[in-house]
Amino acid sequence: MLFLTVPYAEKDEAKALGARWNPTKRRWYVPDGVATDAFAKWAGQGADGAAPAAAAGAGKRVDSYQGKTVTGTHYVALDHDCNPFEPCAQCAAALADTEWQKARLHLAGLVAKL
């Protein structure tokens, strides 16, 4: 997924080329698997001033795994690959007192009541 900086006046042009609107981020993006060369003029600097990760591969297809941005209300980046739903000594400190942990404990309590 490649996020674009599309001026409002050019939104119809971007949409016609296959761009989609992300209402959460309030930005246009190129879906996974779509060639990005037609979107070069909008693929420059992002809203945060950082160049997008996929801009180096402009014109090529976006890798569906590498191009996805992981975001969410309760997202916590972990230093290693593990299952956060299983006990892990390395992750316990990173997850302690986070909104993610609170949400997980709440859901576990609801499941236990079933």
N, C-alpha and C. Protein backbone atom coordinates (compact mmCIF):
# COMPACT_ATOMS: atom_id res chain seq x y z
N MET A 1 0.85 -1.17 0.00
CA MET A 1 0.00 0.00 0.00
C MET A 1 0.90 1.23 0.00
N LEU A 2 0.62 2.12 -0.93
CA LEU A 2 1.40 3.34 -1.06
C LEU A 2 0.47 4.52 -0.82
N PHE A 3 0.74 5.31 0.23
CA PHE A 3 -0.08 6.48 0.50
C PHE A 3 0.35 7.62 -0.41
N LEU A 4 -0.63 8.41 -0.82
CA LEU A 4 -0.41 9.50 -1.77
C LEU A 4 -0.78 10.84 -1.15
N THR A 5 -0.19 11.90 -1.66
CA THR A 5 -0.56 13.25 -1.28
C THR A 5 -1.25 13.85 -2.50
N VAL A 6 -2.57 13.75 -2.50
CA VAL A 6 -3.36 14.17 -3.65
C VAL A 6 -4.13 15.44 -3.29
N PRO A 7 -3.89 16.54 -4.03
CA PRO A 7 -4.70 17.74 -3.81
C PRO A 7 -6.17 17.46 -4.13
N TYR A 8 -7.05 18.16 -3.45
CA TYR A 8 -8.48 17.93 -3.63
C TYR A 8 -8.90 18.08 -5.10
N ALA A 9 -8.32 19.03 -5.78
CA ALA A 9 -8.68 19.28 -7.18
C ALA A 9 -8.31 18.11 -8.09
N GLU A 10 -7.39 17.24 -7.66
CA GLU A 10 -6.94 16.12 -8.48
C GLU A 10 -7.46 14.77 -8.00
N LYS A 11 -8.38 14.78 -7.03
CA LYS A 11 -8.85 13.52 -6.45
C LYS A 11 -9.56 12.64 -7.48
N ASP A 12 -10.33 13.23 -8.38
CA ASP A 12 -11.03 12.45 -9.39
C ASP A 12 -10.05 11.77 -10.35
N GLU A 13 -8.97 12.45 -10.66
CA GLU A 13 -7.94 11.87 -11.53
C GLU A 13 -7.28 10.67 -10.85
N ALA A 14 -6.95 10.82 -9.57
CA ALA A 14 -6.34 9.72 -8.83
C ALA A 14 -7.30 8.54 -8.71
N LYS A 15 -8.56 8.84 -8.46
CA LYS A 15 -9.56 7.79 -8.34
C LYS A 15 -9.72 7.04 -9.66
N ALA A 16 -9.71 7.77 -10.77
CA ALA A 16 -9.84 7.15 -12.09
C ALA A 16 -8.68 6.20 -12.39
N LEU A 17 -7.52 6.50 -11.84
CA LEU A 17 -6.35 5.65 -12.06
C LEU A 17 -6.35 4.43 -11.14
N GLY A 18 -7.24 4.40 -10.15
CA GLY A 18 -7.34 3.24 -9.27
C GLY A 18 -7.00 3.51 -7.82
N ALA A 19 -6.75 4.76 -7.46
CA ALA A 19 -6.45 5.08 -6.06
C ALA A 19 -7.71 4.91 -5.22
N ARG A 20 -7.53 4.61 -3.96
CA ARG A 20 -8.64 4.43 -3.03
C ARG A 20 -8.47 5.41 -1.88
N TRP A 21 -9.59 5.77 -1.23
CA TRP A 21 -9.59 6.69 -0.10
C TRP A 21 -9.57 5.91 1.20
N ASN A 22 -8.67 6.27 2.12
CA ASN A 22 -8.62 5.68 3.45
C ASN A 22 -9.24 6.69 4.41
N PRO A 23 -10.47 6.44 4.89
CA PRO A 23 -11.14 7.42 5.75
C PRO A 23 -10.48 7.58 7.11
N THR A 24 -9.81 6.56 7.60
CA THR A 24 -9.14 6.65 8.90
C THR A 24 -7.96 7.61 8.84
N LYS A 25 -7.11 7.42 7.85
CA LYS A 25 -5.92 8.29 7.70
C LYS A 25 -6.24 9.55 6.90
N ARG A 26 -7.43 9.57 6.28
CA ARG A 26 -7.86 10.70 5.46
C ARG A 26 -6.84 10.99 4.35
N ARG A 27 -6.42 9.90 3.68
CA ARG A 27 -5.44 10.00 2.59
C ARG A 27 -5.81 9.03 1.49
N TRP A 28 -5.40 9.35 0.28
CA TRP A 28 -5.54 8.44 -0.85
C TRP A 28 -4.38 7.46 -0.82
N TYR A 29 -4.60 6.25 -1.34
CA TYR A 29 -3.54 5.24 -1.39
C TYR A 29 -3.70 4.37 -2.62
N VAL A 30 -2.61 3.71 -3.00
CA VAL A 30 -2.62 2.74 -4.10
C VAL A 30 -2.76 1.37 -3.45
N PRO A 31 -3.79 0.61 -3.80
CA PRO A 31 -3.98 -0.72 -3.21
C PRO A 31 -2.83 -1.67 -3.55
N ASP A 32 -2.68 -2.71 -2.75
CA ASP A 32 -1.65 -3.71 -2.98
C ASP A 32 -1.83 -4.36 -4.35
N GLY A 33 -0.73 -4.58 -5.03
CA GLY A 33 -0.75 -5.26 -6.32
C GLY A 33 -1.01 -4.37 -7.52
N VAL A 34 -1.23 -3.08 -7.32
CA VAL A 34 -1.47 -2.15 -8.43
C VAL A 34 -0.15 -1.44 -8.75
N ALA A 35 0.16 -1.34 -10.04
CA ALA A 35 1.38 -0.65 -10.45
C ALA A 35 1.32 0.81 -10.02
N THR A 36 2.42 1.32 -9.50
CA THR A 36 2.45 2.65 -8.91
C THR A 36 3.00 3.74 -9.82
N ASP A 37 3.44 3.38 -11.04
CA ASP A 37 4.07 4.39 -11.91
C ASP A 37 3.12 5.52 -12.30
N ALA A 38 1.83 5.26 -12.41
CA ALA A 38 0.87 6.31 -12.79
C ALA A 38 0.64 7.31 -11.65
N PHE A 39 1.06 6.97 -10.46
CA PHE A 39 0.82 7.81 -9.29
C PHE A 39 2.07 8.57 -8.84
N ALA A 40 3.09 8.62 -9.69
CA ALA A 40 4.38 9.20 -9.32
C ALA A 40 4.28 10.64 -8.86
N LYS A 41 3.41 11.44 -9.47
CA LYS A 41 3.35 12.86 -9.10
C LYS A 41 2.76 13.08 -7.71
N TRP A 42 2.04 12.07 -7.16
CA TRP A 42 1.46 12.20 -5.81
C TRP A 42 2.21 11.38 -4.77
N ALA A 43 3.22 10.63 -5.19
CA ALA A 43 3.92 9.73 -4.27
C ALA A 43 5.12 10.36 -3.61
N GLY A 44 5.28 11.66 -3.67
CA GLY A 44 6.43 12.35 -3.08
C GLY A 44 6.41 12.31 -1.57
N GLN A 45 6.46 13.47 -0.95
CA GLN A 45 6.50 13.57 0.50
C GLN A 45 5.13 13.26 1.08
N GLY A 46 5.11 12.51 2.21
CA GLY A 46 3.87 12.22 2.90
C GLY A 46 3.44 13.39 3.75
N ALA A 47 2.31 13.25 4.42
CA ALA A 47 1.78 14.32 5.26
C ALA A 47 2.68 14.62 6.44
N ASP A 48 3.45 13.61 6.86
CA ASP A 48 4.34 13.80 8.00
C ASP A 48 5.72 14.30 7.57
N GLY A 49 5.93 14.53 6.26
CA GLY A 49 7.21 15.03 5.77
C GLY A 49 8.21 13.95 5.43
N ALA A 50 7.86 12.70 5.69
CA ALA A 50 8.78 11.59 5.41
C ALA A 50 8.45 11.00 4.05
N ALA A 51 9.47 10.60 3.32
CA ALA A 51 9.24 9.97 2.04
C ALA A 51 8.64 8.59 2.28
N PRO A 52 7.66 8.18 1.50
CA PRO A 52 7.05 6.87 1.70
C PRO A 52 8.02 5.75 1.40
N ALA A 53 7.87 4.65 2.09
CA ALA A 53 8.79 3.52 1.96
C ALA A 53 8.75 2.93 0.56
N ALA A 54 7.60 2.95 -0.09
CA ALA A 54 7.47 2.34 -1.40
C ALA A 54 7.88 3.28 -2.53
N ALA A 55 8.23 4.53 -2.24
CA ALA A 55 8.58 5.47 -3.30
C ALA A 55 9.82 5.04 -4.05
N ALA A 56 10.74 4.34 -3.39
CA ALA A 56 11.94 3.88 -4.06
C ALA A 56 11.60 2.87 -5.15
N GLY A 57 10.50 2.15 -5.00
CA GLY A 57 10.09 1.16 -5.97
C GLY A 57 8.99 1.66 -6.87
N ALA A 58 8.90 2.97 -7.09
CA ALA A 58 7.84 3.53 -7.92
C ALA A 58 7.87 2.90 -9.29
N GLY A 59 6.71 2.55 -9.80
CA GLY A 59 6.62 1.91 -11.09
C GLY A 59 6.55 0.40 -10.99
N LYS A 60 6.91 -0.15 -9.86
CA LYS A 60 6.84 -1.58 -9.64
C LYS A 60 5.60 -1.89 -8.84
N ARG A 61 5.27 -3.14 -8.75
CA ARG A 61 4.12 -3.53 -7.94
C ARG A 61 4.49 -3.48 -6.48
N VAL A 62 3.51 -3.11 -5.66
CA VAL A 62 3.75 -3.01 -4.23
C VAL A 62 3.64 -4.40 -3.62
N ASP A 63 4.64 -4.80 -2.87
CA ASP A 63 4.60 -6.08 -2.18
C ASP A 63 3.51 -6.01 -1.13
N SER A 64 2.59 -6.94 -1.16
CA SER A 64 1.41 -6.85 -0.29
C SER A 64 1.76 -6.99 1.18
N TYR A 65 2.86 -7.62 1.54
CA TYR A 65 3.24 -7.72 2.95
C TYR A 65 4.10 -6.54 3.38
N GLN A 66 5.11 -6.22 2.61
CA GLN A 66 6.03 -5.15 2.97
C GLN A 66 5.38 -3.78 2.94
N GLY A 67 4.39 -3.59 2.06
CA GLY A 67 3.79 -2.29 1.88
C GLY A 67 2.72 -1.93 2.89
N LYS A 68 2.29 -2.87 3.70
CA LYS A 68 1.21 -2.59 4.64
C LYS A 68 1.73 -1.88 5.87
N THR A 69 1.02 -0.84 6.24
CA THR A 69 1.35 -0.10 7.44
C THR A 69 0.53 -0.66 8.59
N VAL A 70 1.20 -1.03 9.67
CA VAL A 70 0.51 -1.59 10.81
C VAL A 70 0.14 -0.46 11.76
N THR A 71 -1.14 -0.24 11.89
CA THR A 71 -1.62 0.80 12.79
C THR A 71 -2.84 0.29 13.51
N GLY A 72 -3.15 0.94 14.58
CA GLY A 72 -4.35 0.59 15.32
C GLY A 72 -4.35 1.28 16.66
N THR A 73 -5.49 1.28 17.27
CA THR A 73 -5.64 1.95 18.56
C THR A 73 -4.78 1.30 19.63
N HIS A 74 -4.71 -0.02 19.61
CA HIS A 74 -4.01 -0.75 20.66
C HIS A 74 -2.75 -1.45 20.14
N TYR A 75 -2.14 -0.94 19.08
CA TYR A 75 -0.95 -1.55 18.49
C TYR A 75 0.28 -1.28 19.35
N VAL A 76 1.06 -2.32 19.62
CA VAL A 76 2.31 -2.20 20.36
C VAL A 76 3.38 -2.92 19.55
N ALA A 77 4.45 -2.22 19.19
CA ALA A 77 5.55 -2.84 18.44
C ALA A 77 6.37 -3.70 19.39
N LEU A 78 6.59 -4.96 19.01
CA LEU A 78 7.38 -5.89 19.82
C LEU A 78 8.75 -6.07 19.18
N ASP A 79 9.75 -6.31 20.01
CA ASP A 79 11.12 -6.43 19.52
C ASP A 79 11.38 -7.75 18.79
N HIS A 80 10.55 -8.75 19.04
CA HIS A 80 10.78 -10.04 18.40
C HIS A 80 9.44 -10.62 17.95
N ASP A 81 9.50 -11.67 17.17
CA ASP A 81 8.30 -12.28 16.61
C ASP A 81 7.76 -13.33 17.58
N CYS A 82 6.64 -13.01 18.20
CA CYS A 82 5.99 -13.97 19.09
C CYS A 82 4.49 -13.75 19.03
N ASN A 83 3.75 -14.62 19.66
CA ASN A 83 2.30 -14.49 19.72
C ASN A 83 1.96 -13.74 21.00
N PRO A 84 1.44 -12.51 20.92
CA PRO A 84 1.18 -11.73 22.13
C PRO A 84 0.04 -12.30 22.98
N PHE A 85 -0.71 -13.27 22.45
CA PHE A 85 -1.77 -13.88 23.23
C PHE A 85 -1.26 -15.04 24.08
N GLU A 86 -0.01 -15.43 23.91
CA GLU A 86 0.61 -16.47 24.72
C GLU A 86 1.64 -15.83 25.64
N PRO A 87 1.83 -16.37 26.84
CA PRO A 87 2.81 -15.79 27.77
C PRO A 87 4.22 -15.76 27.17
N CYS A 88 4.87 -14.61 27.30
CA CYS A 88 6.23 -14.43 26.80
C CYS A 88 6.97 -13.52 27.77
N ALA A 89 8.06 -13.99 28.31
CA ALA A 89 8.81 -13.21 29.29
C ALA A 89 9.39 -11.93 28.67
N GLN A 90 9.79 -12.00 27.41
CA GLN A 90 10.38 -10.83 26.76
C GLN A 90 9.34 -9.74 26.49
N CYS A 91 8.12 -10.13 26.20
CA CYS A 91 7.07 -9.15 25.87
C CYS A 91 6.32 -8.63 27.08
N ALA A 92 6.40 -9.31 28.19
CA ALA A 92 5.61 -8.93 29.36
C ALA A 92 5.87 -7.48 29.76
N ALA A 93 7.12 -7.07 29.75
CA ALA A 93 7.45 -5.69 30.14
C ALA A 93 6.94 -4.68 29.12
N ALA A 94 7.02 -5.01 27.83
CA ALA A 94 6.57 -4.08 26.79
C ALA A 94 5.04 -3.93 26.80
N LEU A 95 4.33 -4.98 27.17
CA LEU A 95 2.87 -4.95 27.13
C LEU A 95 2.24 -4.49 28.45
N ALA A 96 3.01 -4.46 29.51
CA ALA A 96 2.46 -4.09 30.82
C ALA A 96 1.93 -2.66 30.80
N ASP A 97 0.76 -2.47 31.37
CA ASP A 97 0.12 -1.15 31.51
C ASP A 97 -0.12 -0.43 30.19
N THR A 98 -0.33 -1.18 29.12
CA THR A 98 -0.66 -0.56 27.84
C THR A 98 -2.16 -0.72 27.59
N GLU A 99 -2.67 0.11 26.69
CA GLU A 99 -4.08 -0.01 26.32
C GLU A 99 -4.35 -1.36 25.67
N TRP A 100 -3.36 -1.88 24.94
CA TRP A 100 -3.50 -3.20 24.32
C TRP A 100 -3.72 -4.26 25.38
N GLN A 101 -2.92 -4.23 26.43
CA GLN A 101 -3.04 -5.22 27.50
C GLN A 101 -4.39 -5.10 28.20
N LYS A 102 -4.82 -3.87 28.44
CA LYS A 102 -6.13 -3.67 29.09
C LYS A 102 -7.25 -4.24 28.22
N ALA A 103 -7.18 -3.99 26.91
CA ALA A 103 -8.20 -4.51 26.00
C ALA A 103 -8.16 -6.02 25.95
N ARG A 104 -6.97 -6.60 25.94
CA ARG A 104 -6.83 -8.06 25.92
C ARG A 104 -7.42 -8.68 27.18
N LEU A 105 -7.12 -8.11 28.35
CA LEU A 105 -7.65 -8.63 29.61
C LEU A 105 -9.17 -8.51 29.65
N HIS A 106 -9.70 -7.40 29.11
CA HIS A 106 -11.15 -7.23 29.06
C HIS A 106 -11.79 -8.31 28.19
N LEU A 107 -11.22 -8.56 27.01
CA LEU A 107 -11.75 -9.58 26.12
C LEU A 107 -11.62 -10.98 26.75
N ALA A 108 -10.52 -11.24 27.43
CA ALA A 108 -10.34 -12.54 28.09
C ALA A 108 -11.41 -12.74 29.16
N GLY A 109 -11.75 -11.67 29.88
CA GLY A 109 -12.79 -11.75 30.88
C GLY A 109 -14.15 -12.04 30.27
N LEU A 110 -14.44 -11.41 29.13
CA LEU A 110 -15.70 -11.67 28.44
C LEU A 110 -15.78 -13.11 27.94
N VAL A 111 -14.69 -13.61 27.41
CA VAL A 111 -14.66 -15.00 26.91
C VAL A 111 -14.81 -15.98 28.07
N ALA A 112 -14.22 -15.67 29.20
CA ALA A 112 -14.31 -16.57 30.35
C ALA A 112 -15.75 -16.69 30.86
N LYS A 113 -16.55 -15.64 30.67
CA LYS A 113 -17.94 -15.67 31.12
C LYS A 113 -18.82 -16.56 30.24
N LEU A 114 -18.36 -16.83 29.03
CA LEU A 114 -19.16 -17.66 28.10
C LEU A 114 -19.21 -19.05 28.55
